[in-house]
Amino acid sequence: TIAELINMYGFTSLSRLAIPSAIPAQNFGNFVTVMLLTFSIFMVLAGAFTSYFGTGKSRAVGAVLLVVGIIVAVVWLSAAQIYGYTNPNLGLVIWGAFLSIVAAIIGAVIAVLVFLFAIMKT
């Protein structure tokens, strides 16, 4: 029955909505990993774009964006190895995919906002 499935996967009913009763720590690790790595990829791309096509101060800002993207990626990958996020064990594929999509969107939006802020200030 539906109630057994809800109980089996750790969902509780709250105001007729089925919500997760607890987010496993590994899913949070996946969320942060995807968010930060997406952020760093977009920062590297935005920095390369700005450095190549920009003039004057924009080129310097592009270089800073590029370096920030690389630093975020290196720091997170180092921390992921130290804290054991390099071998994820996804429990629920759908929940993991949902978190990955949300994390990718958040990372991309943050990177675009930082890029636009940097461009608007030059």
PDB file of N, CA and C in Angstrom:
ATOM      1  N   THR A   1       0.836  -1.192   0.000  1.00  0.00           N
ATOM      2  CA  THR A   1       0.000   0.000   0.000  1.00  0.00           C
ATOM      3  C   THR A   1       0.875   1.248   0.000  1.00  0.00           C
ATOM      4  N   ILE A   2       0.251   2.365  -0.197  1.00  0.00           N
ATOM      5  CA  ILE A   2       0.976   3.634  -0.220  1.00  0.00           C
ATOM      6  C   ILE A   2       1.564   3.943   1.149  1.00  0.00           C
ATOM      7  N   ALA A   3       0.817   3.649   2.210  1.00  0.00           N
ATOM      8  CA  ALA A   3       1.311   3.923   3.562  1.00  0.00           C
ATOM      9  C   ALA A   3       2.581   3.131   3.859  1.00  0.00           C
ATOM     10  N   GLU A   4       2.650   1.874   3.414  1.00  0.00           N
ATOM     11  CA  GLU A   4       3.851   1.071   3.629  1.00  0.00           C
ATOM     12  C   GLU A   4       5.042   1.644   2.868  1.00  0.00           C
ATOM     13  N   LEU A   5       4.807   2.090   1.629  1.00  0.00           N
ATOM     14  CA  LEU A   5       5.888   2.697   0.854  1.00  0.00           C
ATOM     15  C   LEU A   5       6.387   3.975   1.508  1.00  0.00           C
ATOM     16  N   ILE A   6       5.451   4.772   2.013  1.00  0.00           N
ATOM     17  CA  ILE A   6       5.836   6.020   2.675  1.00  0.00           C
ATOM     18  C   ILE A   6       6.676   5.715   3.905  1.00  0.00           C
ATOM     19  N   ASN A   7       6.253   4.743   4.712  1.00  0.00           N
ATOM     20  CA  ASN A   7       7.009   4.383   5.915  1.00  0.00           C
ATOM     21  C   ASN A   7       8.359   3.756   5.569  1.00  0.00           C
ATOM     22  N   MET A   8       8.412   2.970   4.493  1.00  0.00           N
ATOM     23  CA  MET A   8       9.641   2.290   4.116  1.00  0.00           C
ATOM     24  C   MET A   8      10.729   3.290   3.712  1.00  0.00           C
ATOM     25  N   TYR A   9      10.357   4.372   3.046  1.00  0.00           N
ATOM     26  CA  TYR A   9      11.345   5.341   2.577  1.00  0.00           C
ATOM     27  C   TYR A   9      11.504   6.538   3.496  1.00  0.00           C
ATOM     28  N   GLY A  10      10.954   6.490   4.688  1.00  0.00           N
ATOM     29  CA  GLY A  10      11.200   7.519   5.683  1.00  0.00           C
ATOM     30  C   GLY A  10      10.443   8.809   5.466  1.00  0.00           C
ATOM     31  N   PHE A  11       9.250   8.739   4.909  1.00  0.00           N
ATOM     32  CA  PHE A  11       8.446   9.934   4.718  1.00  0.00           C
ATOM     33  C   PHE A  11       7.368   9.986   5.786  1.00  0.00           C
ATOM     34  N   THR A  12       7.033  11.186   6.200  1.00  0.00           N
ATOM     35  CA  THR A  12       5.953  11.362   7.156  1.00  0.00           C
ATOM     36  C   THR A  12       4.933  12.310   6.564  1.00  0.00           C
ATOM     37  N   SER A  13       3.709  12.173   6.988  1.00  0.00           N
ATOM     38  CA  SER A  13       2.651  13.029   6.469  1.00  0.00           C
ATOM     39  C   SER A  13       2.546  14.283   7.321  1.00  0.00           C
ATOM     40  N   LEU A  14       2.563  15.422   6.686  1.00  0.00           N
ATOM     41  CA  LEU A  14       2.443  16.693   7.375  1.00  0.00           C
ATOM     42  C   LEU A  14       1.525  17.572   6.541  1.00  0.00           C
ATOM     43  N   SER A  15       0.339  17.829   7.063  1.00  0.00           N
ATOM     44  CA  SER A  15      -0.646  18.639   6.346  1.00  0.00           C
ATOM     45  C   SER A  15      -0.905  18.092   4.945  1.00  0.00           C
ATOM     46  N   ARG A  16      -1.106  16.796   4.867  1.00  0.00           N
ATOM     47  CA  ARG A  16      -1.395  16.087   3.626  1.00  0.00           C
ATOM     48  C   ARG A  16      -0.250  16.117   2.619  1.00  0.00           C
ATOM     49  N   LEU A  17       0.928  16.511   3.038  1.00  0.00           N
ATOM     50  CA  LEU A  17       2.095  16.509   2.162  1.00  0.00           C
ATOM     51  C   LEU A  17       3.082  15.472   2.660  1.00  0.00           C
ATOM     52  N   ALA A  18       3.605  14.675   1.773  1.00  0.00           N
ATOM     53  CA  ALA A  18       4.641  13.716   2.149  1.00  0.00           C
ATOM     54  C   ALA A  18       5.985  14.416   2.009  1.00  0.00           C
ATOM     55  N   ILE A  19       6.694  14.574   3.116  1.00  0.00           N
ATOM     56  CA  ILE A  19       7.998  15.230   3.089  1.00  0.00           C
ATOM     57  C   ILE A  19       9.031  14.286   3.677  1.00  0.00           C
ATOM     58  N   PRO A  20      10.281  14.413   3.273  1.00  0.00           N
ATOM     59  CA  PRO A  20      11.304  13.542   3.853  1.00  0.00           C
ATOM     60  C   PRO A  20      11.439  13.802   5.344  1.00  0.00           C
ATOM     61  N   SER A  21      11.525  12.733   6.126  1.00  0.00           N
ATOM     62  CA  SER A  21      11.661  12.915   7.569  1.00  0.00           C
ATOM     63  C   SER A  21      13.083  13.295   7.942  1.00  0.00           C
ATOM     64  N   ALA A  22      14.058  12.897   7.140  1.00  0.00           N
ATOM     65  CA  ALA A  22      15.450  13.253   7.410  1.00  0.00           C
ATOM     66  C   ALA A  22      16.228  13.180   6.104  1.00  0.00           C
ATOM     67  N   ILE A  23      17.142  14.103   5.917  1.00  0.00           N
ATOM     68  CA  ILE A  23      17.996  14.087   4.737  1.00  0.00           C
ATOM     69  C   ILE A  23      19.298  13.402   5.132  1.00  0.00           C
ATOM     70  N   PRO A  24      19.622  12.291   4.485  1.00  0.00           N
ATOM     71  CA  PRO A  24      20.868  11.612   4.828  1.00  0.00           C
ATOM     72  C   PRO A  24      22.070  12.520   4.580  1.00  0.00           C
ATOM     73  N   ALA A  25      23.099  12.362   5.400  1.00  0.00           N
ATOM     74  CA  ALA A  25      24.292  13.210   5.289  1.00  0.00           C
ATOM     75  C   ALA A  25      24.963  13.052   3.934  1.00  0.00           C
ATOM     76  N   GLN A  26      24.917  11.866   3.357  1.00  0.00           N
ATOM     77  CA  GLN A  26      25.566  11.654   2.065  1.00  0.00           C
ATOM     78  C   GLN A  26      24.896  12.475   0.974  1.00  0.00           C
ATOM     79  N   ASN A  27      23.558  12.596   1.023  1.00  0.00           N
ATOM     80  CA  ASN A  27      22.869  13.425   0.042  1.00  0.00           C
ATOM     81  C   ASN A  27      23.266  14.881   0.198  1.00  0.00           C
ATOM     82  N   PHE A  28      23.471  15.329   1.431  1.00  0.00           N
ATOM     83  CA  PHE A  28      23.929  16.696   1.644  1.00  0.00           C
ATOM     84  C   PHE A  28      25.328  16.872   1.068  1.00  0.00           C
ATOM     85  N   GLY A  29      26.165  15.869   1.241  1.00  0.00           N
ATOM     86  CA  GLY A  29      27.503  15.917   0.655  1.00  0.00           C
ATOM     87  C   GLY A  29      27.453  15.991  -0.859  1.00  0.00           C
ATOM     88  N   ASN A  30      26.559  15.216  -1.470  1.00  0.00           N
ATOM     89  CA  ASN A  30      26.390  15.274  -2.919  1.00  0.00           C
ATOM     90  C   ASN A  30      25.880  16.643  -3.345  1.00  0.00           C
ATOM     91  N   PHE A  31      24.940  17.187  -2.586  1.00  0.00           N
ATOM     92  CA  PHE A  31      24.380  18.505  -2.882  1.00  0.00           C
ATOM     93  C   PHE A  31      25.476  19.564  -2.884  1.00  0.00           C
ATOM     94  N   VAL A  32      26.275  19.588  -1.829  1.00  0.00           N
ATOM     95  CA  VAL A  32      27.340  20.588  -1.715  1.00  0.00           C
ATOM     96  C   VAL A  32      28.392  20.371  -2.797  1.00  0.00           C
ATOM     97  N   THR A  33      28.725  19.111  -3.081  1.00  0.00           N
ATOM     98  CA  THR A  33      29.716  18.819  -4.114  1.00  0.00           C
ATOM     99  C   THR A  33      29.273  19.342  -5.466  1.00  0.00           C
ATOM    100  N   VAL A  34      28.063  19.009  -5.870  1.00  0.00           N
ATOM    101  CA  VAL A  34      27.573  19.450  -7.176  1.00  0.00           C
ATOM    102  C   VAL A  34      27.450  20.965  -7.220  1.00  0.00           C
ATOM    103  N   MET A  35      26.951  21.574  -6.142  1.00  0.00           N
ATOM    104  CA  MET A  35      26.793  23.026  -6.119  1.00  0.00           C
ATOM    105  C   MET A  35      28.143  23.722  -6.267  1.00  0.00           C
ATOM    106  N   LEU A  36      29.137  23.311  -5.482  1.00  0.00           N
ATOM    107  CA  LEU A  36      30.437  23.980  -5.530  1.00  0.00           C
ATOM    108  C   LEU A  36      31.182  23.707  -6.828  1.00  0.00           C
ATOM    109  N   LEU A  37      31.108  22.500  -7.329  1.00  0.00           N
ATOM    110  CA  LEU A  37      31.803  22.216  -8.574  1.00  0.00           C
ATOM    111  C   LEU A  37      31.129  22.895  -9.760  1.00  0.00           C
ATOM    112  N   THR A  38      29.803  22.989  -9.758  1.00  0.00           N
ATOM    113  CA  THR A  38      29.118  23.750 -10.804  1.00  0.00           C
ATOM    114  C   THR A  38      29.471  25.222 -10.706  1.00  0.00           C
ATOM    115  N   PHE A  39      29.509  25.738  -9.488  1.00  0.00           N
ATOM    116  CA  PHE A  39      29.918  27.125  -9.275  1.00  0.00           C
ATOM    117  C   PHE A  39      31.314  27.352  -9.841  1.00  0.00           C
ATOM    118  N   SER A  40      32.234  26.443  -9.536  1.00  0.00           N
ATOM    119  CA  SER A  40      33.611  26.640  -9.993  1.00  0.00           C
ATOM    120  C   SER A  40      33.721  26.533 -11.513  1.00  0.00           C
ATOM    121  N   ILE A  41      32.982  25.619 -12.122  1.00  0.00           N
ATOM    122  CA  ILE A  41      33.014  25.495 -13.584  1.00  0.00           C
ATOM    123  C   ILE A  41      32.495  26.769 -14.241  1.00  0.00           C
ATOM    124  N   PHE A  42      31.370  27.287 -13.747  1.00  0.00           N
ATOM    125  CA  PHE A  42      30.821  28.515 -14.316  1.00  0.00           C
ATOM    126  C   PHE A  42      31.743  29.704 -14.068  1.00  0.00           C
ATOM    127  N   MET A  43      32.405  29.749 -12.921  1.00  0.00           N
ATOM    128  CA  MET A  43      33.343  30.838 -12.652  1.00  0.00           C
ATOM    129  C   MET A  43      34.534  30.767 -13.602  1.00  0.00           C
ATOM    130  N   VAL A  44      35.044  29.571 -13.850  1.00  0.00           N
ATOM    131  CA  VAL A  44      36.159  29.421 -14.787  1.00  0.00           C
ATOM    132  C   VAL A  44      35.726  29.849 -16.187  1.00  0.00           C
ATOM    133  N   LEU A  45      34.546  29.406 -16.611  1.00  0.00           N
ATOM    134  CA  LEU A  45      34.058  29.792 -17.939  1.00  0.00           C
ATOM    135  C   LEU A  45      33.819  31.294 -18.038  1.00  0.00           C
ATOM    136  N   ALA A  46      33.195  31.871 -17.021  1.00  0.00           N
ATOM    137  CA  ALA A  46      32.945  33.317 -17.032  1.00  0.00           C
ATOM    138  C   ALA A  46      34.257  34.089 -16.996  1.00  0.00           C
ATOM    139  N   GLY A  47      35.207  33.625 -16.210  1.00  0.00           N
ATOM    140  CA  GLY A  47      36.506  34.286 -16.140  1.00  0.00           C
ATOM    141  C   GLY A  47      37.258  34.209 -17.452  1.00  0.00           C
ATOM    142  N   ALA A  48      37.235  33.041 -18.084  1.00  0.00           N
ATOM    143  CA  ALA A  48      37.905  32.894 -19.377  1.00  0.00           C
ATOM    144  C   ALA A  48      37.245  33.787 -20.427  1.00  0.00           C
ATOM    145  N   PHE A  49      35.924  33.811 -20.434  1.00  0.00           N
ATOM    146  CA  PHE A  49      35.178  34.653 -21.376  1.00  0.00           C
ATOM    147  C   PHE A  49      35.507  36.123 -21.166  1.00  0.00           C
ATOM    148  N   THR A  50      35.493  36.567 -19.911  1.00  0.00           N
ATOM    149  CA  THR A  50      35.758  37.971 -19.599  1.00  0.00           C
ATOM    150  C   THR A  50      37.211  38.332 -19.884  1.00  0.00           C
ATOM    151  N   SER A  51      38.133  37.456 -19.559  1.00  0.00           N
ATOM    152  CA  SER A  51      39.547  37.733 -19.819  1.00  0.00           C
ATOM    153  C   SER A  51      39.835  37.835 -21.313  1.00  0.00           C
ATOM    154  N   TYR A  52      39.186  37.000 -22.087  1.00  0.00           N
ATOM    155  CA  TYR A  52      39.455  36.971 -23.524  1.00  0.00           C
ATOM    156  C   TYR A  52      38.800  38.144 -24.251  1.00  0.00           C
ATOM    157  N   PHE A  53      37.530  38.400 -23.949  1.00  0.00           N
ATOM    158  CA  PHE A  53      36.787  39.415 -24.686  1.00  0.00           C
ATOM    159  C   PHE A  53      36.777  40.781 -24.009  1.00  0.00           C
ATOM    160  N   GLY A  54      37.185  40.858 -22.754  1.00  0.00           N
ATOM    161  CA  GLY A  54      37.134  42.122 -22.027  1.00  0.00           C
ATOM    162  C   GLY A  54      38.288  43.045 -22.369  1.00  0.00           C
ATOM    163  N   THR A  55      38.165  44.277 -21.881  1.00  0.00           N
ATOM    164  CA  THR A  55      39.235  45.257 -22.059  1.00  0.00           C
ATOM    165  C   THR A  55      39.496  45.929 -20.717  1.00  0.00           C
ATOM    166  N   GLY A  56      40.740  46.303 -20.494  1.00  0.00           N
ATOM    167  CA  GLY A  56      41.095  47.050 -19.292  1.00  0.00           C
ATOM    168  C   GLY A  56      40.816  46.294 -18.014  1.00  0.00           C
ATOM    169  N   LYS A  57      39.990  46.922 -17.166  1.00  0.00           N
ATOM    170  CA  LYS A  57      39.669  46.332 -15.861  1.00  0.00           C
ATOM    171  C   LYS A  57      38.905  45.020 -16.001  1.00  0.00           C
ATOM    172  N   SER A  58      38.128  44.889 -17.061  1.00  0.00           N
ATOM    173  CA  SER A  58      37.353  43.660 -17.250  1.00  0.00           C
ATOM    174  C   SER A  58      38.260  42.444 -17.379  1.00  0.00           C
ATOM    175  N   ARG A  59      39.404  42.610 -18.016  1.00  0.00           N
ATOM    176  CA  ARG A  59      40.343  41.489 -18.135  1.00  0.00           C
ATOM    177  C   ARG A  59      40.876  41.074 -16.772  1.00  0.00           C
ATOM    178  N   ALA A  60      41.151  42.048 -15.927  1.00  0.00           N
ATOM    179  CA  ALA A  60      41.630  41.734 -14.573  1.00  0.00           C
ATOM    180  C   ALA A  60      40.546  41.030 -13.772  1.00  0.00           C
ATOM    181  N   VAL A  61      39.320  41.513 -13.897  1.00  0.00           N
ATOM    182  CA  VAL A  61      38.197  40.867 -13.205  1.00  0.00           C
ATOM    183  C   VAL A  61      38.017  39.443 -13.723  1.00  0.00           C
ATOM    184  N   GLY A  62      38.149  39.251 -15.025  1.00  0.00           N
ATOM    185  CA  GLY A  62      38.054  37.914 -15.599  1.00  0.00           C
ATOM    186  C   GLY A  62      39.109  36.977 -15.051  1.00  0.00           C
ATOM    187  N   ALA A  63      40.320  37.491 -14.890  1.00  0.00           N
ATOM    188  CA  ALA A  63      41.391  36.670 -14.319  1.00  0.00           C
ATOM    189  C   ALA A  63      41.076  36.290 -12.880  1.00  0.00           C
ATOM    190  N   VAL A  64      40.521  37.230 -12.121  1.00  0.00           N
ATOM    191  CA  VAL A  64      40.149  36.943 -10.729  1.00  0.00           C
ATOM    192  C   VAL A  64      39.050  35.886 -10.687  1.00  0.00           C
ATOM    193  N   LEU A  65      38.045  36.013 -11.549  1.00  0.00           N
ATOM    194  CA  LEU A  65      36.969  35.018 -11.594  1.00  0.00           C
ATOM    195  C   LEU A  65      37.527  33.639 -11.940  1.00  0.00           C
ATOM    196  N   LEU A  66      38.442  33.603 -12.878  1.00  0.00           N
ATOM    197  CA  LEU A  66      39.064  32.346 -13.280  1.00  0.00           C
ATOM    198  C   LEU A  66      39.818  31.710 -12.115  1.00  0.00           C
ATOM    199  N   VAL A  67      40.594  32.501 -11.411  1.00  0.00           N
ATOM    200  CA  VAL A  67      41.369  31.995 -10.270  1.00  0.00           C
ATOM    201  C   VAL A  67      40.444  31.544  -9.142  1.00  0.00           C
ATOM    202  N   VAL A  68      39.390  32.318  -8.875  1.00  0.00           N
ATOM    203  CA  VAL A  68      38.437  31.936  -7.820  1.00  0.00           C
ATOM    204  C   VAL A  68      37.783  30.598  -8.157  1.00  0.00           C
ATOM    205  N   GLY A  69      37.391  30.409  -9.404  1.00  0.00           N
ATOM    206  CA  GLY A  69      36.797  29.142  -9.813  1.00  0.00           C
ATOM    207  C   GLY A  69      37.737  27.969  -9.619  1.00  0.00           C
ATOM    208  N   ILE A  70      38.992  28.163  -9.971  1.00  0.00           N
ATOM    209  CA  ILE A  70      39.983  27.096  -9.802  1.00  0.00           C
ATOM    210  C   ILE A  70      40.230  26.815  -8.324  1.00  0.00           C
ATOM    211  N   ILE A  71      40.337  27.866  -7.522  1.00  0.00           N
ATOM    212  CA  ILE A  71      40.579  27.682  -6.083  1.00  0.00           C
ATOM    213  C   ILE A  71      39.421  26.948  -5.420  1.00  0.00           C
ATOM    214  N   VAL A  72      38.182  27.331  -5.744  1.00  0.00           N
ATOM    215  CA  VAL A  72      37.011  26.660  -5.155  1.00  0.00           C
ATOM    216  C   VAL A  72      37.018  25.179  -5.517  1.00  0.00           C
ATOM    217  N   ALA A  73      37.316  24.858  -6.765  1.00  0.00           N
ATOM    218  CA  ALA A  73      37.334  23.453  -7.186  1.00  0.00           C
ATOM    219  C   ALA A  73      38.423  22.668  -6.462  1.00  0.00           C
ATOM    220  N   VAL A  74      39.616  23.230  -6.384  1.00  0.00           N
ATOM    221  CA  VAL A  74      40.731  22.522  -5.742  1.00  0.00           C
ATOM    222  C   VAL A  74      40.478  22.341  -4.245  1.00  0.00           C
ATOM    223  N   VAL A  75      40.002  23.398  -3.587  1.00  0.00           N
ATOM    224  CA  VAL A  75      39.737  23.308  -2.145  1.00  0.00           C
ATOM    225  C   VAL A  75      38.643  22.285  -1.870  1.00  0.00           C
ATOM    226  N   TRP A  76      37.560  22.318  -2.649  1.00  0.00           N
ATOM    227  CA  TRP A  76      36.481  21.368  -2.386  1.00  0.00           C
ATOM    228  C   TRP A  76      36.912  19.936  -2.664  1.00  0.00           C
ATOM    229  N   LEU A  77      37.629  19.712  -3.763  1.00  0.00           N
ATOM    230  CA  LEU A  77      38.073  18.352  -4.057  1.00  0.00           C
ATOM    231  C   LEU A  77      39.027  17.835  -2.988  1.00  0.00           C
ATOM    232  N   SER A  78      39.872  18.698  -2.462  1.00  0.00           N
ATOM    233  CA  SER A  78      40.766  18.294  -1.369  1.00  0.00           C
ATOM    234  C   SER A  78      39.964  17.966  -0.112  1.00  0.00           C
ATOM    235  N   ALA A  79      39.001  18.819   0.222  1.00  0.00           N
ATOM    236  CA  ALA A  79      38.163  18.575   1.400  1.00  0.00           C
ATOM    237  C   ALA A  79      37.315  17.324   1.216  1.00  0.00           C
ATOM    238  N   ALA A  80      36.846  17.076   0.003  1.00  0.00           N
ATOM    239  CA  ALA A  80      36.031  15.889  -0.255  1.00  0.00           C
ATOM    240  C   ALA A  80      36.838  14.619  -0.021  1.00  0.00           C
ATOM    241  N   GLN A  81      38.093  14.627  -0.392  1.00  0.00           N
ATOM    242  CA  GLN A  81      38.934  13.455  -0.134  1.00  0.00           C
ATOM    243  C   GLN A  81      39.177  13.277   1.354  1.00  0.00           C
ATOM    244  N   ILE A  82      39.414  14.371   2.056  1.00  0.00           N
ATOM    245  CA  ILE A  82      39.686  14.291   3.492  1.00  0.00           C
ATOM    246  C   ILE A  82      38.467  13.774   4.247  1.00  0.00           C
ATOM    247  N   TYR A  83      37.275  14.295   3.905  1.00  0.00           N
ATOM    248  CA  TYR A  83      36.066  13.948   4.649  1.00  0.00           C
ATOM    249  C   TYR A  83      35.277  12.798   4.039  1.00  0.00           C
ATOM    250  N   GLY A  84      35.765  12.192   2.978  1.00  0.00           N
ATOM    251  CA  GLY A  84      35.156  10.982   2.453  1.00  0.00           C
ATOM    252  C   GLY A  84      33.965  11.172   1.543  1.00  0.00           C
ATOM    253  N   TYR A  85      33.854  12.292   0.862  1.00  0.00           N
ATOM    254  CA  TYR A  85      32.747  12.489  -0.075  1.00  0.00           C
ATOM    255  C   TYR A  85      33.078  12.010  -1.477  1.00  0.00           C
ATOM    256  N   THR A  86      34.226  11.385  -1.672  1.00  0.00           N
ATOM    257  CA  THR A  86      34.624  10.983  -3.015  1.00  0.00           C
ATOM    258  C   THR A  86      33.971   9.680  -3.460  1.00  0.00           C
ATOM    259  N   ASN A  87      33.454   8.884  -2.550  1.00  0.00           N
ATOM    260  CA  ASN A  87      32.786   7.636  -2.901  1.00  0.00           C
ATOM    261  C   ASN A  87      31.331   7.676  -2.438  1.00  0.00           C
ATOM    262  N   PRO A  88      30.488   8.406  -3.166  1.00  0.00           N
ATOM    263  CA  PRO A  88      29.106   8.536  -2.707  1.00  0.00           C
ATOM    264  C   PRO A  88      28.336   7.225  -2.831  1.00  0.00           C
ATOM    265  N   ASN A  89      27.497   6.977  -1.871  1.00  0.00           N
ATOM    266  CA  ASN A  89      26.624   5.818  -1.888  1.00  0.00           C
ATOM    267  C   ASN A  89      25.197   6.341  -1.936  1.00  0.00           C
ATOM    268  N   LEU A  90      24.657   6.494  -3.141  1.00  0.00           N
ATOM    269  CA  LEU A  90      23.321   7.056  -3.285  1.00  0.00           C
ATOM    270  C   LEU A  90      22.277   6.027  -2.890  1.00  0.00           C
ATOM    271  N   GLY A  91      21.417   6.409  -1.945  1.00  0.00           N
ATOM    272  CA  GLY A  91      20.356   5.521  -1.516  1.00  0.00           C
ATOM    273  C   GLY A  91      19.188   5.531  -2.473  1.00  0.00           C
ATOM    274  N   LEU A  92      18.638   6.679  -2.643  1.00  0.00           N
ATOM    275  CA  LEU A  92      17.493   6.828  -3.542  1.00  0.00           C
ATOM    276  C   LEU A  92      17.946   7.623  -4.763  1.00  0.00           C
ATOM    277  N   VAL A  93      17.892   6.992  -5.911  1.00  0.00           N
ATOM    278  CA  VAL A  93      18.395   7.625  -7.128  1.00  0.00           C
ATOM    279  C   VAL A  93      17.612   8.892  -7.456  1.00  0.00           C
ATOM    280  N   ILE A  94      16.324   8.858  -7.284  1.00  0.00           N
ATOM    281  CA  ILE A  94      15.500  10.022  -7.612  1.00  0.00           C
ATOM    282  C   ILE A  94      15.834  11.187  -6.694  1.00  0.00           C
ATOM    283  N   TRP A  95      15.961  10.927  -5.411  1.00  0.00           N
ATOM    284  CA  TRP A  95      16.273  11.996  -4.457  1.00  0.00           C
ATOM    285  C   TRP A  95      17.660  12.565  -4.735  1.00  0.00           C
ATOM    286  N   GLY A  96      18.617  11.706  -5.025  1.00  0.00           N
ATOM    287  CA  GLY A  96      19.960  12.171  -5.355  1.00  0.00           C
ATOM    288  C   GLY A  96      19.987  13.001  -6.628  1.00  0.00           C
ATOM    289  N   ALA A  97      19.226  12.560  -7.632  1.00  0.00           N
ATOM    290  CA  ALA A  97      19.166  13.321  -8.883  1.00  0.00           C
ATOM    291  C   ALA A  97      18.507  14.677  -8.660  1.00  0.00           C
ATOM    292  N   PHE A  98      17.451  14.706  -7.855  1.00  0.00           N
ATOM    293  CA  PHE A  98      16.780  15.973  -7.558  1.00  0.00           C
ATOM    294  C   PHE A  98      17.732  16.941  -6.865  1.00  0.00           C
ATOM    295  N   LEU A  99      18.453  16.459  -5.864  1.00  0.00           N
ATOM    296  CA  LEU A  99      19.413  17.313  -5.168  1.00  0.00           C
ATOM    297  C   LEU A  99      20.516  17.790  -6.105  1.00  0.00           C
ATOM    298  N   SER A 100      20.939  16.928  -7.009  1.00  0.00           N
ATOM    299  CA  SER A 100      21.979  17.314  -7.957  1.00  0.00           C
ATOM    300  C   SER A 100      21.504  18.418  -8.887  1.00  0.00           C
ATOM    301  N   ILE A 101      20.281  18.305  -9.354  1.00  0.00           N
ATOM    302  CA  ILE A 101      19.737  19.335 -10.240  1.00  0.00           C
ATOM    303  C   ILE A 101      19.594  20.653  -9.496  1.00  0.00           C
ATOM    304  N   VAL A 102      19.057  20.609  -8.291  1.00  0.00           N
ATOM    305  CA  VAL A 102      18.906  21.837  -7.500  1.00  0.00           C
ATOM    306  C   VAL A 102      20.271  22.445  -7.194  1.00  0.00           C
ATOM    307  N   ALA A 103      21.233  21.617  -6.837  1.00  0.00           N
ATOM    308  CA  ALA A 103      22.577  22.124  -6.540  1.00  0.00           C
ATOM    309  C   ALA A 103      23.218  22.744  -7.771  1.00  0.00           C
ATOM    310  N   ALA A 104      23.044  22.108  -8.925  1.00  0.00           N
ATOM    311  CA  ALA A 104      23.607  22.655 -10.158  1.00  0.00           C
ATOM    312  C   ALA A 104      22.990  24.005 -10.487  1.00  0.00           C
ATOM    313  N   ILE A 105      21.690  24.114 -10.308  1.00  0.00           N
ATOM    314  CA  ILE A 105      21.018  25.387 -10.578  1.00  0.00           C
ATOM    315  C   ILE A 105      21.501  26.460  -9.615  1.00  0.00           C
ATOM    316  N   ILE A 106      21.603  26.133  -8.342  1.00  0.00           N
ATOM    317  CA  ILE A 106      22.061  27.116  -7.350  1.00  0.00           C
ATOM    318  C   ILE A 106      23.497  27.548  -7.646  1.00  0.00           C
ATOM    319  N   GLY A 107      24.370  26.594  -7.929  1.00  0.00           N
ATOM    320  CA  GLY A 107      25.752  26.933  -8.252  1.00  0.00           C
ATOM    321  C   GLY A 107      25.858  27.804  -9.491  1.00  0.00           C
ATOM    322  N   ALA A 108      25.069  27.478 -10.523  1.00  0.00           N
ATOM    323  CA  ALA A 108      25.091  28.266 -11.754  1.00  0.00           C
ATOM    324  C   ALA A 108      24.563  29.671 -11.520  1.00  0.00           C
ATOM    325  N   VAL A 109      23.476  29.793 -10.769  1.00  0.00           N
ATOM    326  CA  VAL A 109      22.904  31.115 -10.495  1.00  0.00           C
ATOM    327  C   VAL A 109      23.881  31.969  -9.696  1.00  0.00           C
ATOM    328  N   ILE A 110      24.514  31.396  -8.692  1.00  0.00           N
ATOM    329  CA  ILE A 110      25.484  32.155  -7.894  1.00  0.00           C
ATOM    330  C   ILE A 110      26.643  32.617  -8.771  1.00  0.00           C
ATOM    331  N   ALA A 111      27.151  31.724  -9.616  1.00  0.00           N
ATOM    332  CA  ALA A 111      28.267  32.091 -10.488  1.00  0.00           C
ATOM    333  C   ALA A 111      27.872  33.188 -11.468  1.00  0.00           C
ATOM    334  N   VAL A 112      26.677  33.099 -12.045  1.00  0.00           N
ATOM    335  CA  VAL A 112      26.216  34.133 -12.978  1.00  0.00           C
ATOM    336  C   VAL A 112      26.038  35.459 -12.258  1.00  0.00           C
ATOM    337  N   LEU A 113      25.498  35.431 -11.050  1.00  0.00           N
ATOM    338  CA  LEU A 113      25.333  36.673 -10.293  1.00  0.00           C
ATOM    339  C   LEU A 113      26.678  37.303  -9.948  1.00  0.00           C
ATOM    340  N   VAL A 114      27.653  36.490  -9.550  1.00  0.00           N
ATOM    341  CA  VAL A 114      28.990  37.016  -9.269  1.00  0.00           C
ATOM    342  C   VAL A 114      29.602  37.597 -10.540  1.00  0.00           C
ATOM    343  N   PHE A 115      29.431  36.899 -11.654  1.00  0.00           N
ATOM    344  CA  PHE A 115      29.935  37.383 -12.941  1.00  0.00           C
ATOM    345  C   PHE A 115      29.288  38.717 -13.304  1.00  0.00           C
ATOM    346  N   LEU A 116      27.977  38.813 -13.206  1.00  0.00           N
ATOM    347  CA  LEU A 116      27.288  40.064 -13.539  1.00  0.00           C
ATOM    348  C   LEU A 116      27.683  41.188 -12.596  1.00  0.00           C
ATOM    349  N   PHE A 117      27.811  40.889 -11.317  1.00  0.00           N
ATOM    350  CA  PHE A 117      28.232  41.906 -10.352  1.00  0.00           C
ATOM    351  C   PHE A 117      29.625  42.420 -10.697  1.00  0.00           C
ATOM    352  N   ALA A 118      30.531  41.496 -11.037  1.00  0.00           N
ATOM    353  CA  ALA A 118      31.895  41.898 -11.375  1.00  0.00           C
ATOM    354  C   ALA A 118      31.923  42.741 -12.647  1.00  0.00           C
ATOM    355  N   ILE A 119      31.134  42.368 -13.627  1.00  0.00           N
ATOM    356  CA  ILE A 119      31.094  43.116 -14.882  1.00  0.00           C
ATOM    357  C   ILE A 119      30.464  44.489 -14.681  1.00  0.00           C
ATOM    358  N   MET A 120      29.426  44.562 -13.881  1.00  0.00           N
ATOM    359  CA  MET A 120      28.734  45.841 -13.676  1.00  0.00           C
ATOM    360  C   MET A 120      29.593  46.820 -12.880  1.00  0.00           C
ATOM    361  N   LYS A 121      30.517  46.323 -12.063  1.00  0.00           N
ATOM    362  CA  LYS A 121      31.361  47.190 -11.246  1.00  0.00           C
ATOM    363  C   LYS A 121      32.561  47.733 -12.016  1.00  0.00           C
ATOM    364  N   THR A 122      32.840  47.205 -13.215  1.00  0.00           N
ATOM    365  CA  THR A 122      34.003  47.693 -13.971  1.00  0.00           C
ATOM    366  C   THR A 122      33.613  48.734 -14.986  1.00  0.00           C
TER     367      THR A 122
END
